[in-house]
PDB file of all heavy atoms in Angstrom:
ATOM      1  N   ALA A   1     -12.875  -0.680  15.262  1.00  0.00           N
ATOM      2  CA  ALA A   1     -14.098  -1.452  15.006  1.00  0.00           C
ATOM      3  C   ALA A   1     -14.617  -1.201  13.603  1.00  0.00           C
ATOM      4  O   ALA A   1     -15.145  -2.079  12.954  1.00  0.00           O
ATOM      5  CB  ALA A   1     -15.160  -1.064  16.021  1.00  0.00           C
ATOM      6  N   ALA A   2     -14.402   0.020  13.059  1.00  0.00           N
ATOM      7  CA  ALA A   2     -14.898   0.363  11.756  1.00  0.00           C
ATOM      8  C   ALA A   2     -14.000  -0.311  10.675  1.00  0.00           C
ATOM      9  O   ALA A   2     -14.507  -0.635   9.573  1.00  0.00           O
ATOM     10  CB  ALA A   2     -14.873   1.886  11.519  1.00  0.00           C
ATOM     11  N   ALA A   3     -12.714  -0.496  10.970  1.00  0.00           N
ATOM     12  CA  ALA A   3     -11.769  -1.028   9.948  1.00  0.00           C
ATOM     13  C   ALA A   3     -11.594  -2.545  10.011  1.00  0.00           C
ATOM     14  O   ALA A   3     -11.214  -3.122   9.021  1.00  0.00           O
ATOM     15  CB  ALA A   3     -10.472  -0.309  10.096  1.00  0.00           C
ATOM     16  N   MET A   4     -11.821  -3.123  11.206  1.00  0.00           N
ATOM     17  CA  MET A   4     -11.419  -4.532  11.371  1.00  0.00           C
ATOM     18  C   MET A   4     -12.679  -5.376  11.613  1.00  0.00           C
ATOM     19  O   MET A   4     -13.656  -4.943  12.206  1.00  0.00           O
ATOM     20  CB  MET A   4     -10.495  -4.698  12.573  1.00  0.00           C
ATOM     21  CG  MET A   4      -9.213  -3.883  12.527  1.00  0.00           C
ATOM     22  SD  MET A   4      -8.179  -4.282  11.136  1.00  0.00           S
ATOM     23  CE  MET A   4      -7.625  -5.945  11.583  1.00  0.00           C
ATOM     24  N   ASN A   5     -12.634  -6.619  11.065  1.00  0.00           N
ATOM     25  CA  ASN A   5     -13.769  -7.573  11.275  1.00  0.00           C
ATOM     26  C   ASN A   5     -13.189  -8.953  11.415  1.00  0.00           C
ATOM     27  O   ASN A   5     -12.753  -9.546  10.408  1.00  0.00           O
ATOM     28  CB  ASN A   5     -14.690  -7.431  10.044  1.00  0.00           C
ATOM     29  CG  ASN A   5     -15.948  -8.250  10.246  1.00  0.00           C
ATOM     30  OD1 ASN A   5     -15.955  -9.341  10.745  1.00  0.00           O
ATOM     31  ND2 ASN A   5     -17.106  -7.742   9.813  1.00  0.00           N
ATOM     32  N   ASP A   6     -13.107  -9.479  12.623  1.00  0.00           N
ATOM     33  CA  ASP A   6     -12.627 -10.808  12.858  1.00  0.00           C
ATOM     34  C   ASP A   6     -11.261 -11.049  12.249  1.00  0.00           C
ATOM     35  O   ASP A   6     -10.990 -12.051  11.608  1.00  0.00           O
ATOM     36  CB  ASP A   6     -13.647 -11.833  12.338  1.00  0.00           C
ATOM     37  CG  ASP A   6     -13.345 -13.252  12.884  1.00  0.00           C
ATOM     38  OD1 ASP A   6     -12.826 -13.405  13.958  1.00  0.00           O
ATOM     39  OD2 ASP A   6     -13.644 -14.227  12.119  1.00  0.00           O
ATOM     40  N   GLY A   7     -10.364 -10.092  12.438  1.00  0.00           N
ATOM     41  CA  GLY A   7      -9.010 -10.157  11.908  1.00  0.00           C
ATOM     42  C   GLY A   7      -8.841  -9.668  10.476  1.00  0.00           C
ATOM     43  O   GLY A   7      -7.730  -9.560   9.992  1.00  0.00           O
ATOM     44  N   TRP A   8      -9.922  -9.446   9.799  1.00  0.00           N
ATOM     45  CA  TRP A   8      -9.908  -8.919   8.440  1.00  0.00           C
ATOM     46  C   TRP A   8      -9.841  -7.367   8.452  1.00  0.00           C
ATOM     47  O   TRP A   8     -10.554  -6.723   9.202  1.00  0.00           O
ATOM     48  CB  TRP A   8     -11.141  -9.298   7.651  1.00  0.00           C
ATOM     49  CG  TRP A   8     -11.288 -10.742   7.309  1.00  0.00           C
ATOM     50  CD1 TRP A   8     -11.966 -11.704   8.027  1.00  0.00           C
ATOM     51  CD2 TRP A   8     -10.724 -11.377   6.161  1.00  0.00           C
ATOM     52  NE1 TRP A   8     -11.823 -12.921   7.384  1.00  0.00           N
ATOM     53  CE2 TRP A   8     -11.065 -12.745   6.240  1.00  0.00           C
ATOM     54  CE3 TRP A   8      -9.967 -10.931   5.119  1.00  0.00           C
ATOM     55  CZ2 TRP A   8     -10.668 -13.684   5.256  1.00  0.00           C
ATOM     56  CZ3 TRP A   8      -9.564 -11.862   4.134  1.00  0.00           C
ATOM     57  CH2 TRP A   8      -9.943 -13.197   4.232  1.00  0.00           C
ATOM     58  N   PHE A   9      -8.955  -6.858   7.641  1.00  0.00           N
ATOM     59  CA  PHE A   9      -8.830  -5.370   7.481  1.00  0.00           C
ATOM     60  C   PHE A   9      -9.646  -4.926   6.302  1.00  0.00           C
ATOM     61  O   PHE A   9      -9.392  -5.395   5.129  1.00  0.00           O
ATOM     62  CB  PHE A   9      -7.406  -4.977   7.333  1.00  0.00           C
ATOM     63  CG  PHE A   9      -7.225  -3.468   7.026  1.00  0.00           C
ATOM     64  CD1 PHE A   9      -7.661  -2.543   7.951  1.00  0.00           C
ATOM     65  CD2 PHE A   9      -6.601  -3.109   5.801  1.00  0.00           C
ATOM     66  CE1 PHE A   9      -7.488  -1.177   7.627  1.00  0.00           C
ATOM     67  CE2 PHE A   9      -6.482  -1.695   5.567  1.00  0.00           C
ATOM     68  CZ  PHE A   9      -6.868  -0.771   6.436  1.00  0.00           C
ATOM     69  N   ARG A  10     -10.627  -4.071   6.454  1.00  0.00           N
ATOM     70  CA  ARG A  10     -11.395  -3.567   5.362  1.00  0.00           C
ATOM     71  C   ARG A  10     -10.671  -2.380   4.791  1.00  0.00           C
ATOM     72  O   ARG A  10     -10.609  -1.325   5.367  1.00  0.00           O
ATOM     73  CB  ARG A  10     -12.795  -3.092   5.926  1.00  0.00           C
ATOM     74  CG  ARG A  10     -13.546  -4.253   6.594  1.00  0.00           C
ATOM     75  CD  ARG A  10     -14.814  -3.741   7.179  1.00  0.00           C
ATOM     76  NE  ARG A  10     -15.644  -3.206   6.064  1.00  0.00           N
ATOM     77  CZ  ARG A  10     -16.921  -2.956   6.156  1.00  0.00           C
ATOM     78  NH1 ARG A  10     -17.560  -3.099   7.375  1.00  0.00           N
ATOM     79  NH2 ARG A  10     -17.584  -2.485   5.174  1.00  0.00           N
ATOM     80  N   THR A  11     -10.171  -2.547   3.578  1.00  0.00           N
ATOM     81  CA  THR A  11      -9.262  -1.571   2.969  1.00  0.00           C
ATOM     82  C   THR A  11      -9.917  -0.267   2.522  1.00  0.00           C
ATOM     83  O   THR A  11      -9.275   0.769   2.370  1.00  0.00           O
ATOM     84  CB  THR A  11      -8.452  -2.174   1.797  1.00  0.00           C
ATOM     85  OG1 THR A  11      -9.354  -2.422   0.707  1.00  0.00           O
ATOM     86  CG2 THR A  11      -7.739  -3.455   2.161  1.00  0.00           C
ATOM     87  N   GLY A  12     -11.185  -0.390   2.202  1.00  0.00           N
ATOM     88  CA  GLY A  12     -11.886   0.770   1.559  1.00  0.00           C
ATOM     89  C   GLY A  12     -11.651   0.917   0.042  1.00  0.00           C
ATOM     90  O   GLY A  12     -12.167   1.761  -0.587  1.00  0.00           O
ATOM     91  N   ASP A  13     -10.881  -0.081  -0.474  1.00  0.00           N
ATOM     92  CA  ASP A  13     -10.653  -0.150  -1.925  1.00  0.00           C
ATOM     93  C   ASP A  13     -11.667  -1.084  -2.538  1.00  0.00           C
ATOM     94  O   ASP A  13     -11.968  -2.137  -1.933  1.00  0.00           O
ATOM     95  CB  ASP A  13      -9.216  -0.670  -2.261  1.00  0.00           C
ATOM     96  CG  ASP A  13      -8.176   0.323  -1.869  1.00  0.00           C
ATOM     97  OD1 ASP A  13      -8.396   1.573  -2.148  1.00  0.00           O
ATOM     98  OD2 ASP A  13      -7.118  -0.064  -1.269  1.00  0.00           O
ATOM     99  N   VAL A  14     -12.133  -0.762  -3.705  1.00  0.00           N
ATOM    100  CA  VAL A  14     -13.012  -1.665  -4.478  1.00  0.00           C
ATOM    101  C   VAL A  14     -12.110  -2.352  -5.530  1.00  0.00           C
ATOM    102  O   VAL A  14     -11.289  -1.708  -6.198  1.00  0.00           O
ATOM    103  CB  VAL A  14     -14.101  -0.841  -5.243  1.00  0.00           C
ATOM    104  CG1 VAL A  14     -14.998  -1.763  -6.074  1.00  0.00           C
ATOM    105  CG2 VAL A  14     -14.953  -0.127  -4.213  1.00  0.00           C
ATOM    106  N   GLY A  15     -12.278  -3.671  -5.645  1.00  0.00           N
ATOM    107  CA  GLY A  15     -11.478  -4.405  -6.578  1.00  0.00           C
ATOM    108  C   GLY A  15     -12.064  -5.744  -6.895  1.00  0.00           C
ATOM    109  O   GLY A  15     -13.161  -6.025  -6.495  1.00  0.00           O
ATOM    110  N   LEU A  16     -11.312  -6.454  -7.729  1.00  0.00           N
ATOM    111  CA  LEU A  16     -11.777  -7.837  -8.117  1.00  0.00           C
ATOM    112  C   LEU A  16     -10.545  -8.704  -8.379  1.00  0.00           C
ATOM    113  O   LEU A  16      -9.481  -8.191  -8.638  1.00  0.00           O
ATOM    114  CB  LEU A  16     -12.729  -7.809  -9.347  1.00  0.00           C
ATOM    115  CG  LEU A  16     -12.117  -7.236 -10.637  1.00  0.00           C
ATOM    116  CD1 LEU A  16     -11.457  -8.249 -11.472  1.00  0.00           C
ATOM    117  CD2 LEU A  16     -13.315  -6.640 -11.420  1.00  0.00           C
ATOM    118  N   VAL A  17     -10.719  -9.982  -8.238  1.00  0.00           N
ATOM    119  CA  VAL A  17      -9.660 -10.974  -8.624  1.00  0.00           C
ATOM    120  C   VAL A  17     -10.201 -11.703  -9.857  1.00  0.00           C
ATOM    121  O   VAL A  17     -11.251 -12.238  -9.854  1.00  0.00           O
ATOM    122  CB  VAL A  17      -9.383 -11.919  -7.443  1.00  0.00           C
ATOM    123  CG1 VAL A  17      -8.402 -12.983  -7.849  1.00  0.00           C
ATOM    124  CG2 VAL A  17      -8.900 -11.144  -6.191  1.00  0.00           C
ATOM    125  N   ASP A  18      -9.350 -11.685 -10.899  1.00  0.00           N
ATOM    126  CA  ASP A  18      -9.790 -12.323 -12.118  1.00  0.00           C
ATOM    127  C   ASP A  18      -9.477 -13.866 -12.057  1.00  0.00           C
ATOM    128  O   ASP A  18      -8.952 -14.374 -11.098  1.00  0.00           O
ATOM    129  CB  ASP A  18      -9.147 -11.677 -13.357  1.00  0.00           C
ATOM    130  CG  ASP A  18      -7.651 -11.834 -13.452  1.00  0.00           C
ATOM    131  OD1 ASP A  18      -7.109 -12.764 -12.829  1.00  0.00           O
ATOM    132  OD2 ASP A  18      -7.007 -11.008 -14.170  1.00  0.00           O
ATOM    133  N   GLY A  19      -9.796 -14.544 -13.169  1.00  0.00           N
ATOM    134  CA  GLY A  19      -9.659 -15.970 -13.227  1.00  0.00           C
ATOM    135  C   GLY A  19      -8.238 -16.478 -13.131  1.00  0.00           C
ATOM    136  O   GLY A  19      -7.994 -17.640 -12.814  1.00  0.00           O
ATOM    137  N   ASP A  20      -7.264 -15.579 -13.366  1.00  0.00           N
ATOM    138  CA  ASP A  20      -5.853 -15.971 -13.275  1.00  0.00           C
ATOM    139  C   ASP A  20      -5.224 -15.558 -11.906  1.00  0.00           C
ATOM    140  O   ASP A  20      -4.049 -15.752 -11.714  1.00  0.00           O
ATOM    141  CB  ASP A  20      -5.082 -15.230 -14.398  1.00  0.00           C
ATOM    142  CG  ASP A  20      -5.480 -15.686 -15.789  1.00  0.00           C
ATOM    143  OD1 ASP A  20      -5.770 -16.865 -15.942  1.00  0.00           O
ATOM    144  OD2 ASP A  20      -5.505 -14.843 -16.664  1.00  0.00           O
ATOM    145  N   GLY A  21      -6.090 -15.051 -11.057  1.00  0.00           N
ATOM    146  CA  GLY A  21      -5.604 -14.718  -9.683  1.00  0.00           C
ATOM    147  C   GLY A  21      -4.978 -13.338  -9.570  1.00  0.00           C
ATOM    148  O   GLY A  21      -4.343 -13.014  -8.567  1.00  0.00           O
ATOM    149  N   PHE A  22      -5.212 -12.481 -10.523  1.00  0.00           N
ATOM    150  CA  PHE A  22      -4.656 -11.129 -10.493  1.00  0.00           C
ATOM    151  C   PHE A  22      -5.658 -10.219  -9.759  1.00  0.00           C
ATOM    152  O   PHE A  22      -6.872 -10.245 -10.105  1.00  0.00           O
ATOM    153  CB  PHE A  22      -4.363 -10.533 -11.851  1.00  0.00           C
ATOM    154  CG  PHE A  22      -3.114 -11.107 -12.512  1.00  0.00           C
ATOM    155  CD1 PHE A  22      -3.151 -12.278 -13.234  1.00  0.00           C
ATOM    156  CD2 PHE A  22      -1.900 -10.457 -12.318  1.00  0.00           C
ATOM    157  CE1 PHE A  22      -2.039 -12.776 -13.868  1.00  0.00           C
ATOM    158  CE2 PHE A  22      -0.770 -10.956 -12.925  1.00  0.00           C
ATOM    159  CZ  PHE A  22      -0.791 -12.122 -13.645  1.00  0.00           C
ATOM    160  N   LEU A  23      -5.218  -9.391  -8.881  1.00  0.00           N
ATOM    161  CA  LEU A  23      -6.031  -8.422  -8.182  1.00  0.00           C
ATOM    162  C   LEU A  23      -6.015  -7.134  -8.998  1.00  0.00           C
ATOM    163  O   LEU A  23      -4.922  -6.583  -9.290  1.00  0.00           O
ATOM    164  CB  LEU A  23      -5.498  -8.174  -6.748  1.00  0.00           C
ATOM    165  CG  LEU A  23      -6.167  -7.015  -5.974  1.00  0.00           C
ATOM    166  CD1 LEU A  23      -7.653  -7.421  -5.714  1.00  0.00           C
ATOM    167  CD2 LEU A  23      -5.421  -6.777  -4.697  1.00  0.00           C
ATOM    168  N   ARG A  24      -7.199  -6.571  -9.225  1.00  0.00           N
ATOM    169  CA  ARG A  24      -7.269  -5.317  -9.884  1.00  0.00           C
ATOM    170  C   ARG A  24      -8.059  -4.339  -9.033  1.00  0.00           C
ATOM    171  O   ARG A  24      -9.141  -4.646  -8.530  1.00  0.00           O
ATOM    172  CB  ARG A  24      -8.015  -5.448 -11.252  1.00  0.00           C
ATOM    173  CG  ARG A  24      -8.051  -4.157 -12.044  1.00  0.00           C
ATOM    174  CD  ARG A  24      -8.297  -4.318 -13.524  1.00  0.00           C
ATOM    175  NE  ARG A  24      -9.552  -4.984 -13.761  1.00  0.00           N
ATOM    176  CZ  ARG A  24     -10.718  -4.349 -14.055  1.00  0.00           C
ATOM    177  NH1 ARG A  24     -10.753  -3.070 -14.016  1.00  0.00           N
ATOM    178  NH2 ARG A  24     -11.791  -5.012 -14.296  1.00  0.00           N
ATOM    179  N   ILE A  25      -7.484  -3.154  -8.785  1.00  0.00           N
ATOM    180  CA  ILE A  25      -8.118  -2.136  -7.990  1.00  0.00           C
ATOM    181  C   ILE A  25      -9.065  -1.351  -8.944  1.00  0.00           C
ATOM    182  O   ILE A  25      -8.574  -0.848  -9.959  1.00  0.00           O
ATOM    183  CB  ILE A  25      -7.077  -1.175  -7.338  1.00  0.00           C
ATOM    184  CG1 ILE A  25      -6.066  -1.941  -6.547  1.00  0.00           C
ATOM    185  CG2 ILE A  25      -7.869  -0.157  -6.464  1.00  0.00           C
ATOM    186  CD1 ILE A  25      -6.509  -2.708  -5.338  1.00  0.00           C
ATOM    187  N   VAL A  26     -10.302  -1.185  -8.567  1.00  0.00           N
ATOM    188  CA  VAL A  26     -11.274  -0.518  -9.423  1.00  0.00           C
ATOM    189  C   VAL A  26     -11.479   0.924  -8.969  1.00  0.00           C
ATOM    190  O   VAL A  26     -11.502   1.870  -9.783  1.00  0.00           O
ATOM    191  CB  VAL A  26     -12.625  -1.268  -9.441  1.00  0.00           C
ATOM    192  CG1 VAL A  26     -13.658  -0.515 -10.266  1.00  0.00           C
ATOM    193  CG2 VAL A  26     -12.410  -2.644 -10.021  1.00  0.00           C
ATOM    194  N   ASP A  27     -11.524   1.092  -7.639  1.00  0.00           N
ATOM    195  CA  ASP A  27     -11.889   2.420  -7.127  1.00  0.00           C
ATOM    196  C   ASP A  27     -11.740   2.454  -5.612  1.00  0.00           C
ATOM    197  O   ASP A  27     -11.403   1.431  -5.023  1.00  0.00           O
ATOM    198  CB  ASP A  27     -13.340   2.759  -7.529  1.00  0.00           C
ATOM    199  CG  ASP A  27     -13.532   4.226  -7.800  1.00  0.00           C
ATOM    200  OD1 ASP A  27     -12.760   5.084  -7.258  1.00  0.00           O
ATOM    201  OD2 ASP A  27     -14.484   4.616  -8.588  1.00  0.00           O
ATOM    202  N   ARG A  28     -12.034   3.608  -5.043  1.00  0.00           N
ATOM    203  CA  ARG A  28     -12.140   3.723  -3.587  1.00  0.00           C
ATOM    204  C   ARG A  28     -13.669   3.707  -3.305  1.00  0.00           C
ATOM    205  O   ARG A  28     -14.440   4.254  -4.108  1.00  0.00           O
ATOM    206  CB  ARG A  28     -11.603   5.039  -3.092  1.00  0.00           C
ATOM    207  CG  ARG A  28     -10.091   5.105  -3.080  1.00  0.00           C
ATOM    208  CD  ARG A  28      -9.484   4.316  -2.008  1.00  0.00           C
ATOM    209  NE  ARG A  28      -9.822   4.761  -0.644  1.00  0.00           N
ATOM    210  CZ  ARG A  28      -9.674   4.025   0.420  1.00  0.00           C
ATOM    211  NH1 ARG A  28      -9.127   2.821   0.398  1.00  0.00           N
ATOM    212  NH2 ARG A  28     -10.028   4.510   1.636  1.00  0.00           N
ATOM    213  N   ILE A  29     -14.069   3.139  -2.198  1.00  0.00           N
ATOM    214  CA  ILE A  29     -15.490   3.084  -1.876  1.00  0.00           C
ATOM    215  C   ILE A  29     -16.097   4.485  -1.817  1.00  0.00           C
ATOM    216  O   ILE A  29     -17.166   4.659  -2.336  1.00  0.00           O
ATOM    217  CB  ILE A  29     -15.708   2.351  -0.538  1.00  0.00           C
ATOM    218  CG1 ILE A  29     -15.518   0.848  -0.759  1.00  0.00           C
ATOM    219  CG2 ILE A  29     -17.056   2.673   0.118  1.00  0.00           C
ATOM    220  CD1 ILE A  29     -15.727   0.020   0.471  1.00  0.00           C
ATOM    221  N   LYS A  30     -15.340   5.448  -1.329  1.00  0.00           N
ATOM    222  CA  LYS A  30     -15.893   6.825  -1.266  1.00  0.00           C
ATOM    223  C   LYS A  30     -16.019   7.426  -2.680  1.00  0.00           C
ATOM    224  O   LYS A  30     -16.638   8.433  -2.810  1.00  0.00           O
ATOM    225  CB  LYS A  30     -15.060   7.712  -0.342  1.00  0.00           C
ATOM    226  CG  LYS A  30     -13.633   7.929  -0.826  1.00  0.00           C
ATOM    227  CD  LYS A  30     -12.892   8.749   0.150  1.00  0.00           C
ATOM    228  CE  LYS A  30     -11.415   8.950  -0.261  1.00  0.00           C
ATOM    229  NZ  LYS A  30     -10.698   9.741   0.680  1.00  0.00           N
ATOM    230  N   ASP A  31     -15.385   6.806  -3.658  1.00  0.00           N
ATOM    231  CA  ASP A  31     -15.513   7.296  -5.087  1.00  0.00           C
ATOM    232  C   ASP A  31     -16.560   6.508  -5.895  1.00  0.00           C
ATOM    233  O   ASP A  31     -16.554   6.551  -7.072  1.00  0.00           O
ATOM    234  CB  ASP A  31     -14.147   7.267  -5.779  1.00  0.00           C
ATOM    235  CG  ASP A  31     -13.276   8.361  -5.267  1.00  0.00           C
ATOM    236  OD1 ASP A  31     -13.758   9.368  -4.763  1.00  0.00           O
ATOM    237  OD2 ASP A  31     -12.015   8.223  -5.404  1.00  0.00           O
ATOM    238  N   VAL A  32     -17.350   5.753  -5.202  1.00  0.00           N
ATOM    239  CA  VAL A  32     -18.388   4.941  -5.814  1.00  0.00           C
ATOM    240  C   VAL A  32     -19.687   5.787  -5.765  1.00  0.00           C
ATOM    241  O   VAL A  32     -20.077   6.285  -4.732  1.00  0.00           O
ATOM    242  CB  VAL A  32     -18.620   3.575  -5.176  1.00  0.00           C
ATOM    243  CG1 VAL A  32     -19.851   2.881  -5.765  1.00  0.00           C
ATOM    244  CG2 VAL A  32     -17.381   2.712  -5.361  1.00  0.00           C
ATOM    245  N   ILE A  33     -20.285   5.955  -6.934  1.00  0.00           N
ATOM    246  CA  ILE A  33     -21.498   6.765  -7.071  1.00  0.00           C
ATOM    247  C   ILE A  33     -22.721   5.870  -6.992  1.00  0.00           C
ATOM    248  O   ILE A  33     -22.737   4.777  -7.597  1.00  0.00           O
ATOM    249  CB  ILE A  33     -21.504   7.495  -8.422  1.00  0.00           C
ATOM    250  CG1 ILE A  33     -20.210   8.399  -8.526  1.00  0.00           C
ATOM    251  CG2 ILE A  33     -22.758   8.326  -8.626  1.00  0.00           C
ATOM    252  CD1 ILE A  33     -19.911   8.862  -9.910  1.00  0.00           C
ATOM    253  N   ASN A  34     -23.677   6.262  -6.213  1.00  0.00           N
ATOM    254  CA  ASN A  34     -24.909   5.454  -6.031  1.00  0.00           C
ATOM    255  C   ASN A  34     -26.077   6.148  -6.708  1.00  0.00           C
ATOM    256  O   ASN A  34     -26.602   7.165  -6.224  1.00  0.00           O
ATOM    257  CB  ASN A  34     -25.194   5.294  -4.554  1.00  0.00           C
ATOM    258  CG  ASN A  34     -26.427   4.419  -4.234  1.00  0.00           C
ATOM    259  OD1 ASN A  34     -27.136   4.011  -5.144  1.00  0.00           O
ATOM    260  ND2 ASN A  34     -26.540   4.071  -2.966  1.00  0.00           N
ATOM    261  N   ARG A  35     -26.420   5.661  -7.863  1.00  0.00           N
ATOM    262  CA  ARG A  35     -27.466   6.325  -8.733  1.00  0.00           C
ATOM    263  C   ARG A  35     -28.611   5.346  -8.809  1.00  0.00           C
ATOM    264  O   ARG A  35     -28.556   4.292  -9.343  1.00  0.00           O
ATOM    265  CB  ARG A  35     -26.869   6.643 -10.116  1.00  0.00           C
ATOM    266  CG  ARG A  35     -27.842   7.359 -11.034  1.00  0.00           C
ATOM    267  CD  ARG A  35     -27.136   7.690 -12.351  1.00  0.00           C
ATOM    268  NE  ARG A  35     -27.925   8.542 -13.184  1.00  0.00           N
ATOM    269  CZ  ARG A  35     -27.591   8.873 -14.404  1.00  0.00           C
ATOM    270  NH1 ARG A  35     -26.482   8.455 -14.880  1.00  0.00           N
ATOM    271  NH2 ARG A  35     -28.392   9.649 -15.113  1.00  0.00           N
ATOM    272  N   ASN A  36     -29.718   5.719  -8.171  1.00  0.00           N
ATOM    273  CA  ASN A  36     -30.964   4.852  -8.140  1.00  0.00           C
ATOM    274  C   ASN A  36     -30.601   3.480  -7.638  1.00  0.00           C
ATOM    275  O   ASN A  36     -31.204   2.491  -8.116  1.00  0.00           O
ATOM    276  CB  ASN A  36     -31.530   4.762  -9.562  1.00  0.00           C
ATOM    277  CG  ASN A  36     -32.374   5.942  -9.911  1.00  0.00           C
ATOM    278  OD1 ASN A  36     -32.953   6.618  -9.078  1.00  0.00           O
ATOM    279  ND2 ASN A  36     -32.455   6.273 -11.186  1.00  0.00           N
ATOM    280  N   GLY A  37     -29.729   3.402  -6.650  1.00  0.00           N
ATOM    281  CA  GLY A  37     -29.351   2.109  -6.122  1.00  0.00           C
ATOM    282  C   GLY A  37     -28.324   1.300  -6.889  1.00  0.00           C
ATOM    283  O   GLY A  37     -27.826   0.284  -6.406  1.00  0.00           O
ATOM    284  N   GLU A  38     -28.017   1.779  -8.076  1.00  0.00           N
ATOM    285  CA  GLU A  38     -26.903   1.202  -8.883  1.00  0.00           C
ATOM    286  C   GLU A  38     -25.566   1.764  -8.499  1.00  0.00           C
ATOM    287  O   GLU A  38     -25.468   2.964  -8.350  1.00  0.00           O
ATOM    288  CB  GLU A  38     -27.192   1.424 -10.383  1.00  0.00           C
ATOM    289  CG  GLU A  38     -28.463   0.832 -10.866  1.00  0.00           C
ATOM    290  CD  GLU A  38     -28.392  -0.624 -11.198  1.00  0.00           C
ATOM    291  OE1 GLU A  38     -27.318  -1.275 -10.942  1.00  0.00           O
ATOM    292  OE2 GLU A  38     -29.389  -1.200 -11.620  1.00  0.00           O
ATOM    293  N   LYS A  39     -24.602   0.930  -8.267  1.00  0.00           N
ATOM    294  CA  LYS A  39     -23.245   1.380  -7.876  1.00  0.00           C
ATOM    295  C   LYS A  39     -22.373   1.623  -9.134  1.00  0.00           C
ATOM    296  O   LYS A  39     -22.290   0.723  -9.989  1.00  0.00           O
ATOM    297  CB  LYS A  39     -22.569   0.345  -6.973  1.00  0.00           C
ATOM    298  CG  LYS A  39     -23.357   0.025  -5.747  1.00  0.00           C
ATOM    299  CD  LYS A  39     -23.440   1.179  -4.755  1.00  0.00           C
ATOM    300  CE  LYS A  39     -24.019   0.783  -3.420  1.00  0.00           C
ATOM    301  NZ  LYS A  39     -25.403   1.154  -3.215  1.00  0.00           N
ATOM    302  N   ILE A  40     -21.786   2.777  -9.229  1.00  0.00           N
ATOM    303  CA  ILE A  40     -20.998   3.104 -10.363  1.00  0.00           C
ATOM    304  C   ILE A  40     -19.614   3.540  -9.883  1.00  0.00           C
ATOM    305  O   ILE A  40     -19.465   4.447  -9.128  1.00  0.00           O
ATOM    306  CB  ILE A  40     -21.625   4.357 -11.112  1.00  0.00           C
ATOM    307  CG1 ILE A  40     -23.071   4.047 -11.465  1.00  0.00           C
ATOM    308  CG2 ILE A  40     -20.803   4.789 -12.302  1.00  0.00           C
ATOM    309  CD1 ILE A  40     -23.901   5.276 -11.843  1.00  0.00           C
ATOM    310  N   ALA A  41     -18.634   2.830 -10.411  1.00  0.00           N
ATOM    311  CA  ALA A  41     -17.209   3.169 -10.046  1.00  0.00           C
ATOM    312  C   ALA A  41     -16.831   4.329 -10.888  1.00  0.00           C
ATOM    313  O   ALA A  41     -16.800   4.274 -12.092  1.00  0.00           O
ATOM    314  CB  ALA A  41     -16.296   1.946 -10.344  1.00  0.00           C
TER     315      ALA A  41
END
């Protein structure tokens, strides 16, 4: 239940897809720092 949502697997990785369709891994969610509500990878 913690990892799956309607067939989607929540990887725990933070990333983005750029304009060319490339996936870039930025960080792990547990390695994201929350400073005054701002998220810092």
